[in-house]
Amino acid sequence: MKIKSAAFEVSAPDLRSCPKWALPEFAFIGRSNVGKSSLINLLTERRDLAKVSDTPGKTKLINFFLINGAWSLVDLPGYGYASVGKQRRAEFNEAVADFLANRRNLRCVFVLIDIRLPPQAIDLEFLRWLEGCQVPYALIFTKADKQSATRNQASIAAFRATVSLWRADFPDSLVSSSTTRAGRTDILTYVAGVLAKSNRTVG
């Protein structure tokens, strides 16, 4: 898949404010500072499409980007950030949960995992919640350039082992690096596959 156009469409504070369109949507979410904005900019090849910050919780709204005029990339607030008060944080989490559980044209949620870390409880809890809502998702292990390929394989194996305690099969997974551009083609190919399958289902 080639991305010929990528443009910011709108920011929404809740599900009710989201665009009233039927475009297939692909949401990106992860723990704070997992590299989500950098990955979105890599995929679209737009340096400043998503705002990159060292401050946790920079994304506070549900942000929609129109890709090729045909589908939408949705940038969701990260979970686990502490840059706002508890009440506001609960509101953000509630809005995201409502979106993920009830957005009808959501085709896939890409859950970003920092490949350098051992399995984190917050990531695992989020995955189990997604499964409880029957939301389709895939994993993207980020920051693959920060350690050796051997350590990356070990990290994924550890995550797989943990997930296997409560899930029979391992979710689809990809590996990326915004620095080396690794994974860009694989992720876009995955999106194209989901779109093709969706079109066949609709047809």
Protein backbone atom coordinates (compact mmCIF):
# COMPACT_ATOMS: atom_id res chain seq x y z
CA MET A 1 0.00 0.00 0.00
CA LYS A 2 1.16 3.51 -0.85
CA ILE A 3 -0.02 6.46 1.19
CA LYS A 4 -0.60 9.26 -1.29
CA SER A 5 -2.39 11.62 1.07
CA ALA A 6 -2.69 11.96 4.83
CA ALA A 7 -4.51 14.83 6.48
CA PHE A 8 -5.79 15.64 9.94
CA GLU A 9 -9.58 15.54 9.97
CA VAL A 10 -10.87 16.25 13.48
CA SER A 11 -10.30 15.73 17.20
CA ALA A 12 -13.13 14.27 19.24
CA PRO A 13 -13.51 14.24 23.04
CA ASP A 14 -15.95 11.31 22.97
CA LEU A 15 -17.71 8.81 20.72
CA ARG A 16 -20.65 11.09 20.06
CA SER A 17 -18.32 13.72 18.59
CA CYS A 18 -16.56 11.32 16.19
CA PRO A 19 -16.99 11.75 12.42
CA LYS A 20 -20.29 10.53 11.00
CA TRP A 21 -18.74 8.53 8.19
CA ALA A 22 -18.58 4.88 7.18
CA LEU A 23 -14.86 4.83 6.42
CA PRO A 24 -12.95 1.86 7.85
CA GLU A 25 -10.84 2.94 10.81
CA PHE A 26 -7.58 1.66 12.27
CA ALA A 27 -6.82 2.83 15.80
CA PHE A 28 -3.38 3.11 17.40
CA ILE A 29 -2.99 2.97 21.16
CA GLY A 30 -0.36 2.08 23.72
CA ARG A 31 1.22 2.97 27.00
CA SER A 32 2.58 6.49 27.26
CA ASN A 33 5.93 7.10 25.55
CA VAL A 34 5.69 3.89 23.53
CA GLY A 35 6.42 5.80 20.32
CA LYS A 36 2.90 6.08 18.91
CA SER A 37 3.18 9.53 17.36
CA SER A 38 6.53 8.71 15.81
CA LEU A 39 5.09 5.54 14.29
CA ILE A 40 2.11 7.38 12.84
CA ASN A 41 4.43 9.93 11.27
CA LEU A 42 6.56 7.11 9.87
CA LEU A 43 3.58 5.31 8.35
CA THR A 44 2.25 8.45 6.68
CA GLU A 45 5.69 9.90 5.92
CA ARG A 46 4.53 13.21 7.38
CA ARG A 47 7.00 14.51 9.94
CA ASP A 48 4.55 16.52 12.02
CA LEU A 49 1.20 14.85 11.34
CA ALA A 50 1.06 13.51 14.89
CA LYS A 51 2.69 15.65 17.54
CA VAL A 52 5.73 13.99 19.11
CA SER A 53 6.51 14.87 22.71
CA ASP A 54 8.65 13.62 25.57
CA THR A 55 5.79 14.49 27.93
CA PRO A 56 3.54 11.51 28.75
CA GLY A 57 -0.11 11.89 27.77
CA LYS A 58 0.39 14.47 25.02
CA THR A 59 -2.53 13.01 23.07
CA LYS A 60 -5.69 13.76 25.03
CA LEU A 61 -8.35 13.56 22.32
CA ILE A 62 -9.38 10.98 19.75
CA ASN A 63 -7.63 12.25 16.62
CA PHE A 64 -8.75 11.23 13.14
CA PHE A 65 -6.52 11.33 10.06
CA LEU A 66 -7.92 10.72 6.58
CA ILE A 67 -5.64 8.44 4.56
CA ASN A 68 -5.86 8.31 0.76
CA GLY A 69 -9.42 9.58 1.09
CA ALA A 70 -10.38 5.96 1.74
CA TRP A 71 -9.73 5.05 5.38
CA SER A 72 -8.95 6.66 8.68
CA LEU A 73 -6.04 6.32 11.05
CA VAL A 74 -7.18 7.05 14.60
CA ASP A 75 -4.69 8.26 17.20
CA LEU A 76 -5.99 7.37 20.67
CA PRO A 77 -4.80 8.75 24.01
CA GLY A 78 -2.20 6.53 25.63
CA TYR A 79 -3.10 4.63 28.74
CA GLY A 80 -1.18 4.90 31.98
CA TYR A 81 -0.15 8.55 31.70
CA ALA A 82 -0.19 10.83 34.73
CA SER A 83 -0.02 14.35 33.31
CA VAL A 84 -3.62 15.20 34.22
CA GLY A 85 -5.76 14.88 37.32
CA LYS A 86 -7.52 11.64 38.20
CA GLN A 87 -10.95 12.88 37.15
CA ARG A 88 -9.75 14.01 33.73
CA ARG A 89 -7.80 10.79 33.29
CA ALA A 90 -10.95 8.79 34.03
CA GLU A 91 -12.83 10.83 31.44
CA PHE A 92 -10.20 10.12 28.79
CA ASN A 93 -10.19 6.42 29.58
CA GLU A 94 -13.99 6.29 29.51
CA ALA A 95 -14.09 8.02 26.12
CA VAL A 96 -11.51 5.63 24.68
CA ALA A 97 -13.31 2.59 26.11
CA ASP A 98 -16.59 3.78 24.63
CA PHE A 99 -14.96 4.33 21.24
CA LEU A 100 -13.24 0.94 21.16
CA ALA A 101 -16.28 -1.01 22.30
CA ASN A 102 -18.91 0.74 20.20
CA ARG A 103 -17.35 2.26 17.07
CA ARG A 104 -18.95 0.20 14.30
CA ASN A 105 -16.48 0.98 11.51
CA LEU A 106 -13.39 0.22 13.61
CA ARG A 107 -11.60 -2.54 11.73
CA CYS A 108 -8.51 -3.09 13.89
CA VAL A 109 -6.77 -1.74 16.96
CA PHE A 110 -2.99 -1.69 16.83
CA VAL A 111 -1.70 -2.04 20.39
CA LEU A 112 1.87 -0.73 20.67
CA ILE A 113 4.25 -2.53 22.99
CA ASP A 114 7.74 -1.30 23.94
CA ILE A 115 9.90 -4.25 22.88
CA ARG A 116 12.61 -3.39 25.43
CA LEU A 117 10.43 -4.07 28.47
CA PRO A 118 9.31 -7.29 30.09
CA PRO A 119 5.54 -7.91 29.82
CA GLN A 120 3.78 -5.03 31.55
CA ALA A 121 0.63 -5.60 33.58
CA ILE A 122 -1.06 -2.54 32.11
CA ASP A 123 -0.56 -3.83 28.54
CA LEU A 124 -1.81 -7.30 29.41
CA GLU A 125 -4.86 -5.93 31.22
CA PHE A 126 -5.71 -3.79 28.23
CA LEU A 127 -5.46 -6.75 25.83
CA ARG A 128 -7.73 -8.83 28.01
CA TRP A 129 -10.24 -5.98 28.10
CA LEU A 130 -10.15 -5.75 24.28
CA GLU A 131 -10.84 -9.46 24.01
CA GLY A 132 -13.72 -9.16 26.43
CA CYS A 133 -15.24 -6.57 24.09
CA GLN A 134 -14.43 -8.76 21.06
CA VAL A 135 -12.45 -5.95 19.45
CA PRO A 136 -10.06 -7.13 16.69
CA TYR A 137 -6.48 -6.16 17.41
CA ALA A 138 -2.85 -6.74 16.46
CA LEU A 139 0.38 -5.99 18.31
CA ILE A 140 3.16 -3.69 17.16
CA PHE A 141 6.41 -4.03 19.09
CA THR A 142 8.09 -0.62 18.89
CA LYS A 143 11.64 0.71 19.32
CA ALA A 144 13.25 -2.38 17.79
CA ASP A 145 16.43 -0.41 17.03
CA LYS A 146 17.12 0.15 20.73
CA GLN A 147 18.45 -3.36 21.32
CA SER A 148 19.81 -6.34 19.41
CA ALA A 149 17.72 -8.64 17.23
CA THR A 150 18.41 -11.46 19.68
CA ARG A 151 17.05 -9.47 22.60
CA ASN A 152 14.05 -8.45 20.51
CA GLN A 153 13.26 -12.08 19.81
CA ALA A 154 13.61 -12.89 23.50
CA SER A 155 11.28 -10.03 24.45
CA ILE A 156 8.60 -11.19 22.02
CA ALA A 157 8.99 -14.77 23.27
CA ALA A 158 8.48 -13.59 26.85
CA PHE A 159 5.38 -11.66 25.86
CA ARG A 160 4.07 -14.66 23.93
CA ALA A 161 4.61 -16.92 26.93
CA THR A 162 2.69 -14.56 29.21
CA VAL A 163 -0.21 -14.19 26.79
CA SER A 164 -0.38 -17.96 26.36
CA LEU A 165 -1.48 -18.24 29.99
CA TRP A 166 -4.90 -16.95 29.01
CA ARG A 167 -5.06 -17.07 25.20
CA ALA A 168 -4.58 -20.19 23.06
CA ASP A 169 -3.09 -18.45 20.03
CA PHE A 170 -0.80 -15.45 19.87
CA PRO A 171 -2.26 -12.29 18.27
CA ASP A 172 -0.93 -11.08 14.94
CA SER A 173 2.22 -9.11 15.68
CA LEU A 174 4.63 -6.82 13.89
CA VAL A 175 7.93 -5.19 14.82
CA SER A 176 8.78 -1.57 14.09
CA SER A 177 11.34 1.18 14.52
CA SER A 178 10.62 4.79 13.72
CA THR A 179 14.37 5.40 13.54
CA THR A 180 15.26 2.73 10.98
CA ARG A 181 11.80 2.67 9.34
CA ALA A 182 11.58 -1.04 10.02
CA GLY A 183 8.06 -2.43 9.95
CA ARG A 184 6.47 0.33 7.89
CA THR A 185 5.81 -1.87 4.86
CA ASP A 186 4.61 -4.76 7.02
CA ILE A 187 2.11 -2.60 8.90
CA LEU A 188 0.70 -1.02 5.75
CA THR A 189 0.46 -4.44 4.11
CA TYR A 190 -1.47 -5.64 7.14
CA VAL A 191 -3.85 -2.68 6.85
CA ALA A 192 -4.33 -3.42 3.15
CA GLY A 193 -5.15 -7.04 3.97
CA VAL A 194 -7.78 -6.05 6.52
CA LEU A 195 -9.31 -3.59 4.05
CA ALA A 196 -9.44 -6.22 1.32
CA LYS A 197 -11.07 -8.72 3.65
CA SER A 198 -13.55 -6.10 4.82
CA ASN A 199 -14.49 -5.26 1.23
CA ARG A 200 -15.07 -8.93 0.41
CA THR A 201 -17.26 -9.27 3.50
CA VAL A 202 -19.30 -6.22 2.56
CA GLY A 203 -19.62 -7.40 -1.02
